[in-house]
Amino acid sequence: MTAKAGDLDEQIGRLTRLRDSLQHAAVCDYEPIVDCPDFKRAVGNVPEPAITPSESVC
């Protein structure tokens, strides 16, 4: 059961990143979207930097 719970946590993480990246892509004007730092964070490719909300690129 512990292994299955861990598998579910991983799947939830992947689905959450997918949802967040799709929501961001729907409103982002950055071209190309795959180079957008906020999009990259949404899909989990880069760590969250220490920036203020006013510094967001999108």
PDB file of N, CA and C in Angstrom:
ATOM      1  N   MET A   1       0.817  -1.200   0.000  1.00  0.00           N
ATOM      2  CA  MET A   1       0.000   0.000   0.000  1.00  0.00           C
ATOM      3  C   MET A   1       0.858   1.259   0.000  1.00  0.00           C
ATOM      4  N   THR A   2       1.977   1.224   0.706  1.00  0.00           N
ATOM      5  CA  THR A   2       2.854   2.393   0.747  1.00  0.00           C
ATOM      6  C   THR A   2       3.420   2.698  -0.635  1.00  0.00           C
ATOM      7  N   ALA A   3       3.807   1.665  -1.374  1.00  0.00           N
ATOM      8  CA  ALA A   3       4.338   1.866  -2.723  1.00  0.00           C
ATOM      9  C   ALA A   3       3.262   2.448  -3.638  1.00  0.00           C
ATOM     10  N   LYS A   4       2.047   1.948  -3.526  1.00  0.00           N
ATOM     11  CA  LYS A   4       0.950   2.457  -4.350  1.00  0.00           C
ATOM     12  C   LYS A   4       0.659   3.916  -4.014  1.00  0.00           C
ATOM     13  N   ALA A   5       0.699   4.247  -2.733  1.00  0.00           N
ATOM     14  CA  ALA A   5       0.484   5.640  -2.321  1.00  0.00           C
ATOM     15  C   ALA A   5       1.560   6.539  -2.916  1.00  0.00           C
ATOM     16  N   GLY A   6       2.800   6.070  -2.931  1.00  0.00           N
ATOM     17  CA  GLY A   6       3.891   6.841  -3.535  1.00  0.00           C
ATOM     18  C   GLY A   6       3.687   7.025  -5.026  1.00  0.00           C
ATOM     19  N   ASP A   7       3.235   5.964  -5.694  1.00  0.00           N
ATOM     20  CA  ASP A   7       2.944   6.057  -7.128  1.00  0.00           C
ATOM     21  C   ASP A   7       1.842   7.079  -7.398  1.00  0.00           C
ATOM     22  N   LEU A   8       0.829   7.075  -6.563  1.00  0.00           N
ATOM     23  CA  LEU A   8      -0.266   8.041  -6.725  1.00  0.00           C
ATOM     24  C   LEU A   8       0.221   9.467  -6.500  1.00  0.00           C
ATOM     25  N   ASP A   9       1.088   9.668  -5.519  1.00  0.00           N
ATOM     26  CA  ASP A   9       1.648  11.003  -5.281  1.00  0.00           C
ATOM     27  C   ASP A   9       2.417  11.492  -6.502  1.00  0.00           C
ATOM     28  N   GLU A  10       3.194  10.613  -7.133  1.00  0.00           N
ATOM     29  CA  GLU A  10       3.937  10.990  -8.341  1.00  0.00           C
ATOM     30  C   GLU A  10       2.989  11.344  -9.486  1.00  0.00           C
ATOM     31  N   GLN A  11       1.950  10.538  -9.647  1.00  0.00           N
ATOM     32  CA  GLN A  11       0.979  10.808 -10.700  1.00  0.00           C
ATOM     33  C   GLN A  11       0.241  12.123 -10.447  1.00  0.00           C
ATOM     34  N   ILE A  12      -0.127  12.379  -9.214  1.00  0.00           N
ATOM     35  CA  ILE A  12      -0.782  13.640  -8.862  1.00  0.00           C
ATOM     36  C   ILE A  12       0.141  14.813  -9.171  1.00  0.00           C
ATOM     37  N   GLY A  13       1.412  14.686  -8.872  1.00  0.00           N
ATOM     38  CA  GLY A  13       2.375  15.740  -9.174  1.00  0.00           C
ATOM     39  C   GLY A  13       2.463  16.012 -10.664  1.00  0.00           C
ATOM     40  N   ARG A  14       2.535  14.941 -11.467  1.00  0.00           N
ATOM     41  CA  ARG A  14       2.603  15.109 -12.928  1.00  0.00           C
ATOM     42  C   ARG A  14       1.337  15.770 -13.457  1.00  0.00           C
ATOM     43  N   LEU A  15       0.186  15.332 -12.985  1.00  0.00           N
ATOM     44  CA  LEU A  15      -1.079  15.906 -13.448  1.00  0.00           C
ATOM     45  C   LEU A  15      -1.241  17.363 -13.009  1.00  0.00           C
ATOM     46  N   THR A  16      -0.783  17.677 -11.821  1.00  0.00           N
ATOM     47  CA  THR A  16      -0.837  19.059 -11.337  1.00  0.00           C
ATOM     48  C   THR A  16       0.037  19.954 -12.204  1.00  0.00           C
ATOM     49  N   ARG A  17       1.246  19.497 -12.535  1.00  0.00           N
ATOM     50  CA  ARG A  17       2.121  20.284 -13.413  1.00  0.00           C
ATOM     51  C   ARG A  17       1.506  20.447 -14.792  1.00  0.00           C
ATOM     52  N   LEU A  18       0.873  19.396 -15.309  1.00  0.00           N
ATOM     53  CA  LEU A  18       0.220  19.482 -16.608  1.00  0.00           C
ATOM     54  C   LEU A  18      -0.908  20.500 -16.572  1.00  0.00           C
ATOM     55  N   ARG A  19      -1.753  20.430 -15.539  1.00  0.00           N
ATOM     56  CA  ARG A  19      -2.856  21.389 -15.410  1.00  0.00           C
ATOM     57  C   ARG A  19      -2.331  22.818 -15.318  1.00  0.00           C
ATOM     58  N   ASP A  20      -1.321  23.034 -14.475  1.00  0.00           N
ATOM     59  CA  ASP A  20      -0.777  24.376 -14.294  1.00  0.00           C
ATOM     60  C   ASP A  20      -0.160  24.904 -15.581  1.00  0.00           C
ATOM     61  N   SER A  21       0.544  24.044 -16.318  1.00  0.00           N
ATOM     62  CA  SER A  21       1.165  24.498 -17.558  1.00  0.00           C
ATOM     63  C   SER A  21       0.111  24.827 -18.613  1.00  0.00           C
ATOM     64  N   LEU A  22      -0.951  24.046 -18.690  1.00  0.00           N
ATOM     65  CA  LEU A  22      -2.021  24.336 -19.646  1.00  0.00           C
ATOM     66  C   LEU A  22      -2.752  25.626 -19.295  1.00  0.00           C
ATOM     67  N   GLN A  23      -3.013  25.838 -18.015  1.00  0.00           N
ATOM     68  CA  GLN A  23      -3.668  27.078 -17.595  1.00  0.00           C
ATOM     69  C   GLN A  23      -2.790  28.277 -17.910  1.00  0.00           C
ATOM     70  N   HIS A  24      -1.508  28.161 -17.694  1.00  0.00           N
ATOM     71  CA  HIS A  24      -0.603  29.273 -17.983  1.00  0.00           C
ATOM     72  C   HIS A  24      -0.515  29.516 -19.490  1.00  0.00           C
ATOM     73  N   ALA A  25      -0.370  28.444 -20.257  1.00  0.00           N
ATOM     74  CA  ALA A  25      -0.251  28.591 -21.708  1.00  0.00           C
ATOM     75  C   ALA A  25      -1.480  29.263 -22.317  1.00  0.00           C
ATOM     76  N   ALA A  26      -2.631  29.073 -21.707  1.00  0.00           N
ATOM     77  CA  ALA A  26      -3.871  29.653 -22.226  1.00  0.00           C
ATOM     78  C   ALA A  26      -3.887  31.176 -22.146  1.00  0.00           C
ATOM     79  N   VAL A  27      -3.090  31.765 -21.251  1.00  0.00           N
ATOM     80  CA  VAL A  27      -3.132  33.218 -21.070  1.00  0.00           C
ATOM     81  C   VAL A  27      -1.792  33.918 -21.319  1.00  0.00           C
ATOM     82  N   CYS A  28      -0.748  33.153 -21.590  1.00  0.00           N
ATOM     83  CA  CYS A  28       0.595  33.728 -21.735  1.00  0.00           C
ATOM     84  C   CYS A  28       0.834  34.232 -23.160  1.00  0.00           C
ATOM     85  N   ASP A  29       1.450  35.424 -23.268  1.00  0.00           N
ATOM     86  CA  ASP A  29       1.770  36.002 -24.570  1.00  0.00           C
ATOM     87  C   ASP A  29       3.229  35.782 -24.968  1.00  0.00           C
ATOM     88  N   TYR A  30       3.994  35.100 -24.140  1.00  0.00           N
ATOM     89  CA  TYR A  30       5.420  34.875 -24.392  1.00  0.00           C
ATOM     90  C   TYR A  30       5.589  34.017 -25.638  1.00  0.00           C
ATOM     91  N   GLU A  31       6.508  34.382 -26.501  1.00  0.00           N
ATOM     92  CA  GLU A  31       6.774  33.622 -27.729  1.00  0.00           C
ATOM     93  C   GLU A  31       8.223  33.190 -27.771  1.00  0.00           C
ATOM     94  N   PRO A  32       8.500  31.943 -28.004  1.00  0.00           N
ATOM     95  CA  PRO A  32       7.597  30.798 -27.948  1.00  0.00           C
ATOM     96  C   PRO A  32       7.285  30.427 -26.501  1.00  0.00           C
ATOM     97  N   ILE A  33       6.146  29.852 -26.273  1.00  0.00           N
ATOM     98  CA  ILE A  33       5.679  29.542 -24.924  1.00  0.00           C
ATOM     99  C   ILE A  33       6.670  28.655 -24.176  1.00  0.00           C
ATOM    100  N   VAL A  34       7.349  27.770 -24.880  1.00  0.00           N
ATOM    101  CA  VAL A  34       8.271  26.840 -24.201  1.00  0.00           C
ATOM    102  C   VAL A  34       9.484  27.552 -23.623  1.00  0.00           C
ATOM    103  N   ASP A  35       9.741  28.798 -24.030  1.00  0.00           N
ATOM    104  CA  ASP A  35      10.851  29.571 -23.469  1.00  0.00           C
ATOM    105  C   ASP A  35      10.416  30.473 -22.320  1.00  0.00           C
ATOM    106  N   CYS A  36       9.143  30.530 -22.029  1.00  0.00           N
ATOM    107  CA  CYS A  36       8.622  31.370 -20.955  1.00  0.00           C
ATOM    108  C   CYS A  36       9.062  30.808 -19.598  1.00  0.00           C
ATOM    109  N   PRO A  37       9.727  31.611 -18.778  1.00  0.00           N
ATOM    110  CA  PRO A  37      10.151  31.128 -17.459  1.00  0.00           C
ATOM    111  C   PRO A  37       8.995  30.667 -16.578  1.00  0.00           C
ATOM    112  N   ASP A  38       7.869  31.367 -16.639  1.00  0.00           N
ATOM    113  CA  ASP A  38       6.713  30.959 -15.839  1.00  0.00           C
ATOM    114  C   ASP A  38       6.146  29.625 -16.330  1.00  0.00           C
ATOM    115  N   PHE A  39       6.137  29.422 -17.645  1.00  0.00           N
ATOM    116  CA  PHE A  39       5.675  28.154 -18.196  1.00  0.00           C
ATOM    117  C   PHE A  39       6.608  27.017 -17.776  1.00  0.00           C
ATOM    118  N   LYS A  40       7.910  27.277 -17.838  1.00  0.00           N
ATOM    119  CA  LYS A  40       8.878  26.257 -17.433  1.00  0.00           C
ATOM    120  C   LYS A  40       8.679  25.873 -15.968  1.00  0.00           C
ATOM    121  N   ARG A  41       8.438  26.861 -15.124  1.00  0.00           N
ATOM    122  CA  ARG A  41       8.168  26.556 -13.716  1.00  0.00           C
ATOM    123  C   ARG A  41       6.890  25.744 -13.565  1.00  0.00           C
ATOM    124  N   ALA A  42       5.875  26.082 -14.355  1.00  0.00           N
ATOM    125  CA  ALA A  42       4.598  25.371 -14.265  1.00  0.00           C
ATOM    126  C   ALA A  42       4.752  23.896 -14.605  1.00  0.00           C
ATOM    127  N   VAL A  43       5.617  23.584 -15.548  1.00  0.00           N
ATOM    128  CA  VAL A  43       5.815  22.181 -15.911  1.00  0.00           C
ATOM    129  C   VAL A  43       6.916  21.532 -15.086  1.00  0.00           C
ATOM    130  N   GLY A  44       7.533  22.309 -14.218  1.00  0.00           N
ATOM    131  CA  GLY A  44       8.512  21.731 -13.309  1.00  0.00           C
ATOM    132  C   GLY A  44       9.904  21.568 -13.875  1.00  0.00           C
ATOM    133  N   ASN A  45      10.252  22.325 -14.927  1.00  0.00           N
ATOM    134  CA  ASN A  45      11.580  22.196 -15.529  1.00  0.00           C
ATOM    135  C   ASN A  45      12.657  23.010 -14.831  1.00  0.00           C
ATOM    136  N   VAL A  46      12.265  24.066 -14.154  1.00  0.00           N
ATOM    137  CA  VAL A  46      13.249  24.914 -13.481  1.00  0.00           C
ATOM    138  C   VAL A  46      12.739  25.266 -12.098  1.00  0.00           C
ATOM    139  N   PRO A  47      13.632  25.497 -11.154  1.00  0.00           N
ATOM    140  CA  PRO A  47      13.193  25.862  -9.805  1.00  0.00           C
ATOM    141  C   PRO A  47      12.598  27.265  -9.767  1.00  0.00           C
ATOM    142  N   GLU A  48      11.775  27.489  -8.770  1.00  0.00           N
ATOM    143  CA  GLU A  48      11.142  28.792  -8.563  1.00  0.00           C
ATOM    144  C   GLU A  48      12.191  29.797  -8.077  1.00  0.00           C
ATOM    145  N   PRO A  49      12.431  30.889  -8.810  1.00  0.00           N
ATOM    146  CA  PRO A  49      13.370  31.900  -8.326  1.00  0.00           C
ATOM    147  C   PRO A  49      12.707  32.788  -7.282  1.00  0.00           C
ATOM    148  N   ALA A  50      13.512  33.518  -6.562  1.00  0.00           N
ATOM    149  CA  ALA A  50      12.994  34.439  -5.552  1.00  0.00           C
ATOM    150  C   ALA A  50      12.699  35.769  -6.233  1.00  0.00           C
ATOM    151  N   ILE A  51      11.480  35.922  -6.813  1.00  0.00           N
ATOM    152  CA  ILE A  51      11.075  37.166  -7.455  1.00  0.00           C
ATOM    153  C   ILE A  51       9.761  37.617  -6.849  1.00  0.00           C
ATOM    154  N   THR A  52       9.485  38.887  -7.012  1.00  0.00           N
ATOM    155  CA  THR A  52       8.208  39.426  -6.556  1.00  0.00           C
ATOM    156  C   THR A  52       7.191  39.255  -7.665  1.00  0.00           C
ATOM    157  N   PRO A  53       5.908  39.217  -7.350  1.00  0.00           N
ATOM    158  CA  PRO A  53       4.885  39.052  -8.407  1.00  0.00           C
ATOM    159  C   PRO A  53       4.971  40.108  -9.502  1.00  0.00           C
ATOM    160  N   SER A  54       5.429  41.295  -9.199  1.00  0.00           N
ATOM    161  CA  SER A  54       5.517  42.342 -10.222  1.00  0.00           C
ATOM    162  C   SER A  54       6.620  42.058 -11.239  1.00  0.00           C
ATOM    163  N   GLU A  55       7.543  41.140 -10.913  1.00  0.00           N
ATOM    164  CA  GLU A  55       8.616  40.790 -11.833  1.00  0.00           C
ATOM    165  C   GLU A  55       8.245  39.644 -12.779  1.00  0.00           C
ATOM    166  N   SER A  56       7.070  39.105 -12.669  1.00  0.00           N
ATOM    167  CA  SER A  56       6.650  38.009 -13.526  1.00  0.00           C
ATOM    168  C   SER A  56       6.656  38.460 -14.968  1.00  0.00           C
ATOM    169  N   VAL A  57       7.033  37.564 -15.889  1.00  0.00           N
ATOM    170  CA  VAL A  57       7.129  37.933 -17.301  1.00  0.00           C
ATOM    171  C   VAL A  57       5.798  37.844 -18.008  1.00  0.00           C
ATOM    172  N   CYS A  58       4.801  37.222 -17.428  1.00  0.00           N
ATOM    173  CA  CYS A  58       3.504  37.056 -18.109  1.00  0.00           C
ATOM    174  C   CYS A  58       2.393  37.722 -17.344  1.00  0.00           C
TER     175      CYS A  58
END
